[in-house]
Amino acid sequence: MIERSPRARGGVATLGALILGALLALTTSCSFGPPEPDVAGEPPNLPTPSVSAGPDSGDGGGSAAAATVLAKGLEVPWGLAFLPGGGALVTERDTARILRVGPESDTEGLKVTEVQRLTEAEPGGDGGLLGIAVSPKYTTDATVFVYYSTAKDNRVAKLKLKGKPQPILTGIPHSVNDNGGQLAFGPDGMLYVTTGDGTPGGTQAQDPKSLGGKILRITTAGRPAPGNPVRNSPVWSSGHRNVQGIAWDTAKKMYAGESDQKKTGELNVIQKGGNYGWPKVDGTGTSAKFTNPLVSWPVQDSSCAGVAVLESMVATACLQGKRLWMVDVTGNGTLLGQPQAVLAGEYGRLRALVTAPDGSFWVTTSNQEEGGDPGPDDDQIIRLVFSDGGAGRS
């Protein structure tokens, strides 16, 4: 099991120092204690990460993981994206705040600074300020993209930090619970947007004219991207209940989580024009019309949100399951071995999950919401490093 670990104490000068120090420690000895002094003679003052003996389910093997709490005291952190100059942007769903986390630090760990509040966002239920993505050209255009709820719809907007959001895609169906909300730039430079079905009978996921229950692929101006399955349509895939996490591997294969289905949670390989079955199929089905999940779990063990990829490992962070599911995949995107769980029950509900520039995982808790059981430090951002070699590993 992974014990809750403290945030950084003392002065870690920057996020870069934290990452460099961690990597020095990991590459020299496969241990997770404080690193040796760096070449400049200044020893980074890091917390001592707690270490997992390994996943608690599956085939019994897998990576040991070191967990370090980078920030705490947040309120339902939902989206997370890294800035090219260091640090990360984090959204809070219910407060509608955009926060900057790092690269500076203070005595509490990485410094958390409020950048702005989006007064245009209207929180309620599972809606509010959701996903965030940093422009691939951020160093020249200083633009970020956000997904948020209003009283009438969900929408995507672009803005320069501290500036007014400029909507580029509106009319995404809005509901109390299923709003999708993830944003990410794909390897093709296009912006991918995940939406929820949001209807009791799941009527929008199979409707090609509706933006609900889909993964959308658009340009930075909000128009349907060239090469989409249907010309002049933003729809990339359909038949989704509530996708809140997407990521790509080095072969440009796309993965997505599926949340809020009645029986199962899913991890899917997303194909151009694929139909993933909701509401006609919940989990694995028999119809050739629908694409079956790569892997599924009982909903009480999953209901997952964020998705991240590290080499051949795909991970998803779970809300009801209160764990990180990890699966190994082959080069063609098929399952290899059995799924394994880490952090099971250790930090409560887990939501956002991204691969950091150094190859570690950053994952957020989501305990300050209905269904959560917040502790005194919630909500938190946790950094995970794995011990069996490769980027972000010892």
Protein backbone atom coordinates (compact mmCIF):
# COMPACT_ATOMS: atom_id res chain seq x y z
CA MET A 1 0.00 0.00 0.00
CA ILE A 2 1.04 3.59 -0.50
CA GLU A 3 0.90 5.70 2.62
CA ARG A 4 -0.13 9.31 2.35
CA SER A 5 3.06 11.30 1.96
CA PRO A 6 3.63 14.93 2.99
CA ARG A 7 4.11 17.81 0.63
CA ALA A 8 7.58 19.20 0.13
CA ARG A 9 9.04 20.84 3.19
CA GLY A 10 11.68 23.50 3.12
CA GLY A 11 12.58 25.22 -0.13
CA VAL A 12 12.50 23.34 -3.40
CA ALA A 13 13.65 26.10 -5.68
CA THR A 14 11.63 25.20 -8.78
CA LEU A 15 9.59 22.45 -10.37
CA GLY A 16 12.63 21.84 -12.52
CA ALA A 17 14.71 21.23 -9.42
CA LEU A 18 12.10 18.83 -8.09
CA ILE A 19 12.07 16.85 -11.31
CA LEU A 20 15.85 16.92 -11.71
CA GLY A 21 16.37 15.84 -8.14
CA ALA A 22 13.90 13.01 -8.47
CA LEU A 23 15.48 11.78 -11.66
CA LEU A 24 18.98 11.89 -10.16
CA ALA A 25 17.78 9.76 -7.29
CA LEU A 26 16.01 7.30 -9.52
CA THR A 27 18.73 6.88 -12.11
CA THR A 28 21.50 6.33 -9.60
CA SER A 29 20.11 3.70 -7.29
CA CYS A 30 16.50 2.73 -7.92
CA SER A 31 15.67 4.07 -4.46
CA PHE A 32 13.21 6.78 -3.62
CA GLY A 33 14.96 8.71 -0.88
CA PRO A 34 16.31 12.25 -1.17
CA PRO A 35 18.85 12.65 -4.01
CA GLU A 36 22.52 13.40 -3.75
CA PRO A 37 23.61 17.03 -4.22
CA ASP A 38 23.49 18.10 -7.86
CA VAL A 39 26.55 19.23 -9.84
CA ALA A 40 26.10 22.79 -8.60
CA GLY A 41 26.40 21.57 -5.02
CA GLU A 42 22.84 22.49 -4.01
CA PRO A 43 20.89 19.48 -2.73
CA PRO A 44 17.18 19.76 -3.63
CA ASN A 45 15.07 19.50 -0.47
CA LEU A 46 12.45 16.95 -1.51
CA PRO A 47 9.89 15.05 0.54
CA THR A 48 10.57 11.36 0.91
CA PRO A 49 8.05 9.63 -1.33
CA SER A 50 6.10 6.68 -0.04
CA VAL A 51 6.62 3.49 -2.02
CA SER A 52 4.14 0.85 -3.08
CA ALA A 53 5.16 -2.78 -2.94
CA GLY A 54 3.26 -3.22 -6.17
CA PRO A 55 -0.25 -3.28 -7.59
CA ASP A 56 -2.85 -4.95 -5.41
CA SER A 57 -4.62 -6.90 -8.13
CA GLY A 58 -3.97 -8.56 -11.44
CA ASP A 59 -1.25 -11.09 -11.97
CA GLY A 60 0.77 -10.07 -8.93
CA GLY A 61 3.60 -8.41 -10.81
CA GLY A 62 3.99 -4.86 -11.95
CA SER A 63 5.81 -1.69 -11.02
CA ALA A 64 6.58 -0.37 -7.59
CA ALA A 65 5.43 3.25 -7.45
CA ALA A 66 6.68 6.23 -5.47
CA ALA A 67 3.99 8.79 -4.62
CA THR A 68 4.71 12.39 -3.63
CA VAL A 69 2.03 14.97 -2.78
CA LEU A 70 2.88 18.13 -4.72
CA ALA A 71 -0.07 20.33 -3.70
CA LYS A 72 -3.04 20.16 -1.37
CA GLY A 73 -6.04 22.18 -0.26
CA LEU A 74 -7.64 22.36 -3.72
CA GLU A 75 -11.36 22.08 -4.55
CA VAL A 76 -12.32 19.46 -7.14
CA PRO A 77 -9.33 19.95 -9.49
CA TRP A 78 -10.62 18.78 -12.88
CA GLY A 79 -8.29 19.62 -15.76
CA LEU A 80 -4.49 19.68 -15.81
CA ALA A 81 -2.12 20.84 -18.55
CA PHE A 82 1.59 21.66 -18.52
CA LEU A 83 3.10 24.95 -19.66
CA PRO A 84 6.22 24.90 -21.85
CA GLY A 85 8.17 27.13 -19.45
CA GLY A 86 7.50 24.94 -16.41
CA GLY A 87 4.59 24.54 -14.06
CA ALA A 88 1.06 23.43 -14.82
CA LEU A 89 -2.40 24.92 -15.18
CA VAL A 90 -5.16 23.32 -13.13
CA THR A 91 -8.90 24.03 -13.27
CA GLU A 92 -11.26 23.76 -10.31
CA ARG A 93 -14.72 22.65 -11.41
CA ASP A 94 -16.86 24.32 -8.75
CA THR A 95 -14.89 27.52 -8.06
CA ALA A 96 -14.26 28.12 -11.80
CA ARG A 97 -10.67 29.03 -10.98
CA ILE A 98 -7.62 28.50 -13.17
CA LEU A 99 -4.61 27.84 -10.95
CA ARG A 100 -0.93 27.77 -11.75
CA VAL A 101 0.98 25.06 -9.89
CA GLY A 102 4.77 25.55 -9.81
CA PRO A 103 7.41 25.81 -11.03
CA GLU A 104 8.17 27.85 -7.91
CA SER A 105 7.80 26.32 -4.49
CA ASP A 106 7.30 27.46 -0.93
CA THR A 107 7.42 25.78 2.47
CA GLU A 108 4.21 23.91 1.61
CA GLY A 109 5.47 22.40 -1.65
CA LEU A 110 4.81 23.63 -5.16
CA LYS A 111 3.42 27.14 -5.13
CA VAL A 112 -0.27 27.37 -6.10
CA THR A 113 -1.39 30.71 -7.54
CA GLU A 114 -4.83 31.73 -8.73
CA VAL A 115 -4.56 33.03 -12.29
CA GLN A 116 -8.22 33.95 -12.81
CA ARG A 117 -11.84 32.97 -12.27
CA LEU A 118 -14.10 32.36 -15.24
CA THR A 119 -17.32 34.17 -14.41
CA GLU A 120 -18.77 32.71 -17.61
CA ALA A 121 -18.72 29.20 -16.13
CA GLU A 122 -21.79 28.05 -14.20
CA PRO A 123 -21.01 25.22 -11.77
CA GLY A 124 -23.63 22.69 -10.80
CA GLY A 125 -23.70 18.92 -10.52
CA ASP A 126 -20.87 17.58 -12.67
CA GLY A 127 -20.65 20.81 -14.68
CA GLY A 128 -18.56 23.94 -14.24
CA LEU A 129 -15.02 24.69 -15.36
CA LEU A 130 -13.73 21.39 -16.72
CA GLY A 131 -10.95 20.64 -19.20
CA ILE A 132 -7.97 22.80 -20.15
CA ALA A 133 -5.41 22.47 -22.95
CA VAL A 134 -2.33 24.54 -23.73
CA SER A 135 -1.83 25.56 -27.34
CA PRO A 136 1.02 23.68 -29.07
CA LYS A 137 2.19 27.15 -30.15
CA TYR A 138 1.91 28.63 -26.66
CA THR A 139 5.37 30.21 -26.77
CA THR A 140 4.19 32.44 -29.62
CA ASP A 141 0.39 32.68 -29.19
CA ALA A 142 0.09 32.45 -25.34
CA THR A 143 -3.30 30.76 -25.79
CA VAL A 144 -5.08 28.16 -23.70
CA PHE A 145 -8.38 26.40 -24.36
CA VAL A 146 -11.04 25.65 -21.75
CA TYR A 147 -14.26 23.63 -21.59
CA TYR A 148 -16.99 24.95 -19.33
CA SER A 149 -20.72 24.82 -18.59
CA THR A 150 -23.22 27.63 -18.87
CA ALA A 151 -26.92 27.62 -17.99
CA LYS A 152 -27.72 26.53 -21.56
CA ASP A 153 -24.85 24.43 -22.85
CA ASN A 154 -21.26 23.28 -22.56
CA ARG A 155 -18.75 25.10 -24.71
CA VAL A 156 -15.11 25.40 -25.69
CA ALA A 157 -13.35 28.76 -25.59
CA LYS A 158 -9.87 30.08 -26.12
CA LEU A 159 -8.22 32.80 -24.05
CA LYS A 160 -4.98 34.37 -23.03
CA LEU A 161 -4.50 33.96 -19.30
CA LYS A 162 -6.26 36.72 -17.33
CA GLY A 163 -8.20 37.57 -20.48
CA LYS A 164 -11.82 37.05 -21.52
CA PRO A 165 -12.75 33.66 -23.00
CA GLN A 166 -13.68 33.68 -26.68
CA PRO A 167 -16.09 30.78 -27.42
CA ILE A 168 -15.14 28.73 -30.46
CA LEU A 169 -17.61 25.83 -30.11
CA THR A 170 -21.00 26.15 -28.40
CA GLY A 171 -24.19 24.11 -28.16
CA ILE A 172 -22.66 21.00 -26.58
CA PRO A 173 -25.49 19.33 -24.58
CA HIS A 174 -25.49 20.14 -20.88
CA SER A 175 -26.87 18.02 -18.05
CA VAL A 176 -26.52 17.59 -14.31
CA ASN A 177 -24.19 14.61 -14.46
CA ASP A 178 -22.78 13.75 -17.89
CA ASN A 179 -20.94 16.67 -19.46
CA GLY A 180 -17.74 15.10 -20.76
CA GLY A 181 -15.32 17.99 -20.66
CA GLN A 182 -11.83 16.80 -21.57
CA LEU A 183 -9.64 18.76 -23.98
CA ALA A 184 -6.34 17.62 -25.49
CA PHE A 185 -4.28 18.32 -28.57
CA GLY A 186 -3.57 15.18 -30.57
CA PRO A 187 -0.34 14.29 -32.37
CA ASP A 188 -1.94 15.79 -35.50
CA GLY A 189 -2.18 19.22 -33.88
CA MET A 190 -5.98 19.15 -33.77
CA LEU A 191 -8.02 19.81 -30.64
CA TYR A 192 -10.02 16.83 -29.36
CA VAL A 193 -13.10 17.48 -27.21
CA THR A 194 -15.01 14.88 -25.21
CA THR A 195 -18.74 15.29 -24.52
CA GLY A 196 -21.35 13.48 -22.44
CA ASP A 197 -24.67 12.08 -23.58
CA GLY A 198 -26.54 13.64 -20.70
CA THR A 199 -30.00 12.20 -21.43
CA PRO A 200 -31.89 9.56 -19.40
CA GLY A 201 -32.35 7.29 -22.41
CA GLY A 202 -29.01 7.98 -24.05
CA THR A 203 -30.65 9.51 -27.12
CA GLN A 204 -27.75 11.75 -28.17
CA ALA A 205 -24.83 9.32 -28.30
CA GLN A 206 -26.21 7.59 -31.42
CA ASP A 207 -27.54 10.76 -33.08
CA PRO A 208 -25.02 11.95 -35.69
CA LYS A 209 -26.52 15.44 -35.60
CA SER A 210 -25.97 15.86 -31.87
CA LEU A 211 -22.68 16.86 -30.24
CA GLY A 212 -23.57 14.80 -27.15
CA GLY A 213 -21.94 11.46 -26.38
CA LYS A 214 -19.08 12.04 -28.81
CA ILE A 215 -15.40 12.72 -29.16
CA LEU A 216 -15.02 15.77 -31.39
CA ARG A 217 -12.02 16.82 -33.48
CA ILE A 218 -11.80 20.51 -34.32
CA THR A 219 -9.36 23.21 -35.39
CA THR A 220 -8.22 25.93 -33.01
CA ALA A 221 -10.89 28.12 -34.60
CA GLY A 222 -13.57 25.63 -33.56
CA ARG A 223 -14.35 24.32 -37.03
CA PRO A 224 -14.56 20.63 -38.00
CA ALA A 225 -11.04 19.39 -38.64
CA PRO A 226 -10.00 18.24 -42.13
CA GLY A 227 -10.10 14.46 -42.43
CA ASN A 228 -12.98 13.86 -40.03
CA PRO A 229 -15.20 10.82 -40.81
CA VAL A 230 -17.99 13.07 -42.13
CA ARG A 231 -17.08 16.26 -43.93
CA ASN A 232 -18.15 19.43 -42.12
CA SER A 233 -18.91 17.47 -38.94
CA PRO A 234 -16.72 17.75 -35.82
CA VAL A 235 -17.56 14.17 -34.77
CA TRP A 236 -14.59 11.81 -34.56
CA SER A 237 -16.27 8.93 -32.67
CA SER A 238 -19.72 8.32 -31.18
CA GLY A 239 -21.67 6.05 -28.84
CA HIS A 240 -20.11 7.42 -25.65
CA ARG A 241 -21.79 7.93 -22.29
CA ASN A 242 -19.31 10.29 -20.64
CA VAL A 243 -15.67 10.48 -21.70
CA GLN A 244 -13.45 12.49 -19.33
CA GLY A 245 -9.98 11.29 -20.31
CA ILE A 246 -8.04 10.86 -23.57
CA ALA A 247 -4.38 10.24 -24.40
CA TRP A 248 -2.13 8.96 -27.20
CA ASP A 249 0.82 6.58 -27.31
CA THR A 250 3.99 7.04 -29.34
CA ALA A 251 2.37 5.22 -32.26
CA LYS A 252 -0.38 7.90 -32.23
CA LYS A 253 -2.97 5.41 -31.03
CA MET A 254 -5.71 7.11 -29.03
CA TYR A 255 -7.17 5.83 -25.75
CA ALA A 256 -10.23 7.06 -23.85
CA GLY A 257 -12.02 6.23 -20.63
CA GLU A 258 -15.77 5.72 -20.39
CA SER A 259 -17.56 6.78 -17.23
CA ASP A 260 -21.08 6.68 -15.75
CA GLN A 261 -22.39 3.65 -17.60
CA LYS A 262 -24.83 1.54 -15.60
CA LYS A 263 -22.79 -1.68 -15.32
CA THR A 264 -19.21 -1.14 -16.43
CA GLY A 265 -16.38 1.33 -16.77
CA GLU A 266 -14.32 1.06 -19.93
CA LEU A 267 -10.96 1.83 -21.45
CA ASN A 268 -11.25 2.08 -25.23
CA VAL A 269 -8.93 2.32 -28.21
CA ILE A 270 -10.50 5.14 -30.23
CA GLN A 271 -10.75 4.64 -33.97
CA LYS A 272 -11.76 7.18 -36.59
CA GLY A 273 -15.52 6.92 -37.04
CA GLY A 274 -15.84 4.26 -34.34
CA ASN A 275 -19.16 3.72 -32.56
CA TYR A 276 -18.74 2.55 -28.95
CA GLY A 277 -22.28 1.41 -28.43
CA TRP A 278 -23.92 3.51 -25.73
CA PRO A 279 -26.78 3.12 -24.85
CA LYS A 280 -27.28 -0.11 -26.80
CA VAL A 281 -24.15 -1.71 -25.33
CA ASP A 282 -22.78 -1.34 -21.81
CA GLY A 283 -19.39 -3.06 -21.84
CA THR A 284 -18.64 -5.85 -24.30
CA GLY A 285 -21.31 -6.66 -26.88
CA THR A 286 -21.80 -8.99 -29.82
CA SER A 287 -22.76 -6.58 -32.61
CA ALA A 288 -20.16 -5.91 -35.28
CA LYS A 289 -21.62 -2.40 -35.55
CA PHE A 290 -20.06 -1.37 -32.25
CA THR A 291 -16.44 -1.34 -31.09
CA ASN A 292 -15.82 -3.32 -27.90
CA PRO A 293 -13.66 -1.89 -25.11
CA LEU A 294 -10.02 -2.80 -24.71
CA VAL A 295 -10.86 -3.65 -21.09
CA SER A 296 -13.81 -3.10 -18.76
CA TRP A 297 -14.43 -3.33 -15.02
CA PRO A 298 -17.49 -3.39 -12.77
CA VAL A 299 -18.64 0.18 -12.28
CA GLN A 300 -18.01 0.05 -8.51
CA ASP A 301 -14.32 -0.65 -9.25
CA SER A 302 -13.99 1.98 -11.95
CA SER A 303 -16.12 4.91 -13.16
CA CYS A 304 -12.83 6.39 -14.33
CA ALA A 305 -11.94 9.84 -15.65
CA GLY A 306 -8.37 10.81 -16.61
CA VAL A 307 -6.24 8.69 -18.97
CA ALA A 308 -2.46 8.81 -19.45
CA VAL A 309 0.12 6.77 -21.37
CA LEU A 310 3.69 5.89 -20.42
CA GLU A 311 5.53 3.75 -22.96
CA SER A 312 3.42 0.56 -23.30
CA MET A 313 1.39 1.30 -20.17
CA VAL A 314 -2.03 2.97 -20.31
CA ALA A 315 -3.51 4.16 -17.02
CA THR A 316 -6.87 5.56 -16.00
CA ALA A 317 -7.83 7.32 -12.76
CA CYS A 318 -11.07 6.15 -11.15
CA LEU A 319 -13.67 7.97 -9.09
CA GLN A 320 -15.87 5.21 -7.68
CA GLY A 321 -13.03 2.69 -7.88
CA LYS A 322 -10.68 5.02 -5.95
CA ARG A 323 -7.66 3.61 -7.73
CA LEU A 324 -5.43 3.85 -10.77
CA TRP A 325 -5.96 1.01 -13.24
CA MET A 326 -2.87 0.23 -15.33
CA VAL A 327 -2.86 -1.97 -18.42
CA ASP A 328 0.00 -2.98 -20.69
CA VAL A 329 -0.71 -3.00 -24.40
CA THR A 330 0.99 -4.41 -27.46
CA GLY A 331 2.12 -2.31 -30.40
CA ASN A 332 -1.22 -2.76 -32.13
CA GLY A 333 -3.20 -1.69 -29.08
CA THR A 334 -4.34 -5.05 -27.71
CA LEU A 335 -4.28 -6.02 -24.05
CA LEU A 336 -1.13 -7.69 -22.71
CA GLY A 337 -1.56 -9.51 -19.40
CA GLN A 338 -4.01 -8.51 -16.70
CA PRO A 339 -4.92 -4.99 -15.52
CA GLN A 340 -3.26 -3.96 -12.27
CA ALA A 341 -4.39 -1.44 -9.67
CA VAL A 342 -2.31 1.02 -7.65
CA LEU A 343 -3.34 3.60 -5.04
CA ALA A 344 -6.46 1.52 -4.32
CA GLY A 345 -8.26 3.35 -1.51
CA GLU A 346 -5.18 5.33 -0.55
CA TYR A 347 -6.25 8.80 -1.65
CA GLY A 348 -9.97 8.40 -2.29
CA ARG A 349 -11.56 9.47 -5.58
CA LEU A 350 -9.07 10.07 -8.41
CA ARG A 351 -9.91 12.23 -11.41
CA ALA A 352 -7.35 14.06 -13.59
CA LEU A 353 -4.38 12.04 -14.85
CA VAL A 354 -1.63 13.28 -17.17
CA THR A 355 1.90 12.33 -18.12
CA ALA A 356 4.30 15.08 -17.04
CA PRO A 357 7.16 16.27 -19.28
CA ASP A 358 9.61 14.18 -17.22
CA GLY A 359 7.56 10.99 -17.71
CA SER A 360 6.02 10.84 -14.26
CA PHE A 361 2.25 10.79 -13.73
CA TRP A 362 0.37 13.61 -12.07
CA VAL A 363 -3.02 12.61 -10.66
CA THR A 364 -5.58 14.67 -8.75
CA THR A 365 -8.01 13.63 -6.05
CA SER A 366 -11.70 14.55 -6.24
CA ASN A 367 -12.93 14.20 -2.68
CA GLN A 368 -14.37 17.70 -2.21
CA GLU A 369 -17.55 16.76 -4.06
CA GLU A 370 -20.67 14.67 -3.64
CA GLY A 371 -19.65 11.06 -3.05
CA GLY A 372 -16.27 12.04 -1.63
CA ASP A 373 -14.95 11.71 1.91
CA PRO A 374 -12.42 14.55 2.14
CA GLY A 375 -9.48 14.44 4.47
CA PRO A 376 -7.75 17.52 5.89
CA ASP A 377 -5.41 17.81 2.87
CA ASP A 378 -7.97 17.31 0.10
CA ASP A 379 -8.02 17.88 -2.68
CA GLN A 380 -4.45 17.01 -3.70
CA ILE A 381 -2.11 16.66 -6.67
CA ILE A 382 0.06 13.54 -6.46
CA ARG A 383 3.17 12.69 -8.47
CA LEU A 384 3.82 9.01 -9.30
CA VAL A 385 7.12 7.52 -10.44
CA PHE A 386 7.47 3.85 -11.39
CA SER A 387 10.51 1.72 -10.61
CA ASP A 388 11.01 -0.67 -13.51
CA GLY A 389 12.92 1.43 -15.99
CA GLY A 390 12.15 3.98 -18.70
CA ALA A 391 11.02 7.60 -18.71
CA GLY A 392 9.88 8.79 -15.33
CA ARG A 393 11.11 5.57 -13.76
CA SER A 394 14.15 4.35 -11.87
